[in-house]
Protein backbone atom coordinates (compact mmCIF):
# COMPACT_ATOMS: atom_id res chain seq x y z
CA UNK A 1 1.68 81.56 75.12
CA UNK A 2 4.58 83.70 76.26
CA UNK A 3 4.08 86.91 78.18
CA UNK A 4 4.89 90.25 76.55
CA UNK A 5 8.58 91.05 76.40
CA UNK A 6 9.93 93.73 78.74
CA UNK A 7 10.62 97.07 77.12
CA UNK A 8 14.25 98.14 76.69
CA UNK A 9 14.60 101.91 76.29
CA UNK A 10 17.96 101.61 74.53
CA UNK A 11 17.16 98.50 72.47
CA UNK A 12 13.45 98.87 71.67
CA UNK A 13 13.03 95.90 69.30
CA UNK A 14 15.48 93.14 70.22
CA UNK A 15 13.40 90.57 68.30
CA UNK A 16 13.96 92.53 65.07
CA UNK A 17 17.70 92.88 65.72
CA UNK A 18 17.95 89.15 66.45
CA UNK A 19 19.28 89.61 69.97
CA UNK A 20 16.19 88.06 71.56
CA UNK A 21 14.49 85.02 70.05
CA UNK A 22 11.80 82.52 70.95
CA UNK A 23 13.09 79.78 73.24
CA UNK A 24 11.40 77.04 75.23
CA UNK A 25 14.27 76.27 77.58
CA UNK A 26 14.92 77.38 81.13
CA UNK A 27 16.69 80.61 82.00
CA UNK A 28 19.85 79.89 84.04
CA UNK A 29 19.23 82.97 86.20
CA UNK A 30 15.56 82.67 87.25
CA UNK A 31 15.09 78.95 86.41
CA UNK A 32 11.85 79.75 84.56
CA UNK A 33 10.71 78.90 81.05
CA UNK A 34 9.77 82.37 79.77
CA UNK A 35 9.47 81.74 76.02
CA UNK A 36 12.44 83.91 74.92
CA UNK A 37 16.21 84.07 75.31
CA UNK A 38 19.10 86.43 74.72
CA UNK A 39 21.00 85.12 71.69
CA UNK A 40 24.47 86.23 72.74
CA UNK A 41 26.70 85.33 75.66
CA UNK A 42 27.05 88.22 78.14
CA UNK A 43 30.38 89.34 79.52
CA UNK A 44 30.82 87.41 82.81
CA UNK A 45 33.30 85.16 84.58
CA UNK A 46 31.25 82.14 83.54
CA UNK A 47 29.29 81.64 80.31
CA UNK A 48 25.55 82.17 80.74
CA UNK A 49 23.72 81.27 77.52
CA UNK A 50 19.97 81.45 77.20
CA UNK A 51 19.26 84.27 79.68
CA UNK A 52 15.67 85.45 79.54
CA UNK A 53 14.94 89.10 78.72
CA UNK A 54 13.23 89.60 82.09
CA UNK A 55 16.42 88.82 84.02
CA UNK A 56 18.24 91.33 81.80
CA UNK A 57 15.57 94.02 82.20
CA UNK A 58 15.20 93.81 85.98
CA UNK A 59 18.96 93.64 86.54
CA UNK A 60 18.92 90.20 88.19
CA UNK A 61 21.25 88.69 85.54
CA UNK A 62 23.79 91.37 86.45
CA UNK A 63 23.23 91.08 90.22
CA UNK A 64 23.20 87.27 90.44
CA UNK A 65 25.60 86.32 87.64
CA UNK A 66 27.68 89.53 87.28
CA UNK A 67 26.62 89.58 83.62
CA UNK A 68 27.16 92.64 81.45
CA UNK A 69 25.75 92.97 77.96
CA UNK A 70 27.90 95.76 76.54
CA UNK A 71 31.44 96.77 77.44
CA UNK A 72 31.19 100.03 79.42
CA UNK A 73 34.20 101.40 77.53
CA UNK A 74 32.24 101.02 74.28
CA UNK A 75 29.36 103.26 75.40
CA UNK A 76 29.84 106.77 74.08
CA UNK A 77 33.26 108.30 74.12
CA UNK A 78 35.35 110.01 71.50
CA UNK A 79 33.32 112.64 69.65
CA UNK A 80 30.02 111.18 70.84
CA UNK A 81 28.02 112.86 73.60
CA UNK A 82 29.12 112.23 77.17
CA UNK A 83 26.48 110.68 79.37
CA UNK A 84 25.72 110.14 83.06
CA UNK A 85 27.11 107.01 84.71
CA UNK A 86 23.55 105.88 85.52
CA UNK A 87 22.71 105.72 81.81
CA UNK A 88 25.93 103.84 81.03
CA UNK A 89 25.02 101.32 83.77
CA UNK A 90 21.54 100.73 82.30
CA UNK A 91 23.03 100.08 78.87
CA UNK A 92 25.75 97.81 80.25
CA UNK A 93 23.77 95.83 82.81
CA UNK A 94 20.04 96.01 81.88
CA UNK A 95 19.92 96.25 78.08
CA UNK A 96 20.51 93.48 75.52
CA UNK A 97 23.73 94.16 73.68
CA UNK A 98 24.35 93.41 70.03
CA UNK A 99 26.98 91.44 68.15
CA UNK A 100 29.56 93.20 66.06
CA UNK A 101 32.60 92.25 64.05
CA UNK A 102 34.99 94.11 66.34
CA UNK A 103 34.37 95.66 69.75
CA UNK A 104 30.79 96.95 69.85
CA UNK A 105 30.20 100.65 70.49
CA UNK A 106 26.99 102.27 71.72
CA UNK A 107 26.23 105.61 70.07
CA UNK A 108 25.27 108.48 72.39
CA UNK A 109 23.60 111.80 71.60
CA UNK A 110 21.94 114.62 73.55
CA UNK A 111 23.73 113.42 76.74
CA UNK A 112 21.92 110.07 76.65
CA UNK A 113 22.33 106.65 75.13
CA UNK A 114 20.62 106.20 71.78
CA UNK A 115 18.23 103.42 70.78
CA UNK A 116 19.90 100.62 68.86
CA UNK A 117 17.82 99.92 65.74
CA UNK A 118 19.99 97.24 64.18
CA UNK A 119 22.58 96.56 61.54
CA UNK A 120 22.38 98.45 58.28
CA UNK A 121 23.58 97.82 54.75
CA UNK A 122 23.36 99.81 51.53
CA UNK A 123 19.59 99.35 51.33
CA UNK A 124 19.04 100.72 54.84
CA UNK A 125 21.39 103.64 54.18
CA UNK A 126 19.08 104.69 51.33
CA UNK A 127 16.20 104.77 53.84
CA UNK A 128 18.19 106.89 56.33
CA UNK A 129 20.05 109.60 54.35
CA UNK A 130 20.87 111.52 57.55
CA UNK A 131 22.61 108.41 58.89
CA UNK A 132 24.47 107.92 55.61
CA UNK A 133 25.70 111.54 55.72
CA UNK A 134 26.82 111.15 59.33
CA UNK A 135 28.79 108.02 58.43
CA UNK A 136 30.41 109.72 55.44
CA UNK A 137 31.52 112.64 57.61
CA UNK A 138 32.75 110.26 60.31
CA UNK A 139 34.83 108.31 57.80
CA UNK A 140 36.04 111.51 56.01
CA UNK A 141 35.74 109.85 52.61
CA UNK A 142 35.56 111.86 49.38
CA UNK A 143 32.22 111.51 47.58
CA UNK A 144 33.35 108.89 45.03
CA UNK A 145 35.01 106.69 47.65
CA UNK A 146 32.02 107.05 49.93
CA UNK A 147 29.59 105.96 47.19
CA UNK A 148 31.69 102.85 46.46
CA UNK A 149 32.05 102.04 50.15
CA UNK A 150 28.36 102.60 50.95
CA UNK A 151 27.38 100.16 48.18
CA UNK A 152 29.45 97.43 49.88
CA UNK A 153 27.71 97.75 53.25
CA UNK A 154 25.77 94.60 54.06
CA UNK A 155 23.22 94.25 56.84
CA UNK A 156 24.00 90.54 57.26
CA UNK A 157 27.69 90.61 56.40
CA UNK A 158 30.84 92.68 56.34
CA UNK A 159 31.31 95.56 56.17
CA UNK A 160 28.19 96.66 57.99
CA UNK A 161 26.86 99.71 59.80
CA UNK A 162 25.18 99.92 63.22
CA UNK A 163 22.16 102.21 63.27
CA UNK A 164 21.00 104.13 66.36
CA UNK A 165 18.44 106.87 66.90
CA UNK A 166 18.62 109.64 69.49
CA UNK A 167 15.77 109.36 71.99
CA UNK A 168 15.53 113.15 72.32
CA UNK A 169 16.05 114.85 68.95
CA UNK A 170 15.47 111.87 66.63
CA UNK A 171 18.90 112.13 64.94
CA UNK A 172 20.39 108.95 63.47
CA UNK A 173 23.94 107.92 64.14
CA UNK A 174 26.27 105.01 64.68
CA UNK A 175 29.32 103.58 63.01
CA UNK A 176 30.66 101.07 60.49
CA UNK A 177 32.59 97.89 61.16
CA UNK A 178 34.14 94.99 59.25
CA UNK A 179 35.67 91.60 59.95
């Protein structure tokens, strides 16, 4: 039986988002069989598939392999809350990233990174009306266009939305993306 997964403050359920999955192979960083792997390839000079979540969480994948899991330029920025460099570093080097259609962006709020909850389609937007309203305002779409667009959002396809939740005030935010 596998040990309990490490906790990631900014990506609290990487099994649900599909970024960590069961795996019986060896981690290329620690050379252990830990029972899980990161499903994406981190940003690094060499490709490092199958990294275990423990090497991500403790920073050894970054230290030993120079692996990064989110582009630092995609964390916050624009109209999103600025955040301390230490937080950006945790998101970039010690948090599983996620896969997007274009360049991934990590939503920030209350001067901190937000928790990535996963991709969202029309069904999820109905469950998170605050998130839907935030997206509509972000896209500056008139009501009729927004309704049509929101109905096309697809959790497993394109276009999709990326849902985050602020760790301090509980607000939902994120962005939309398409192939």
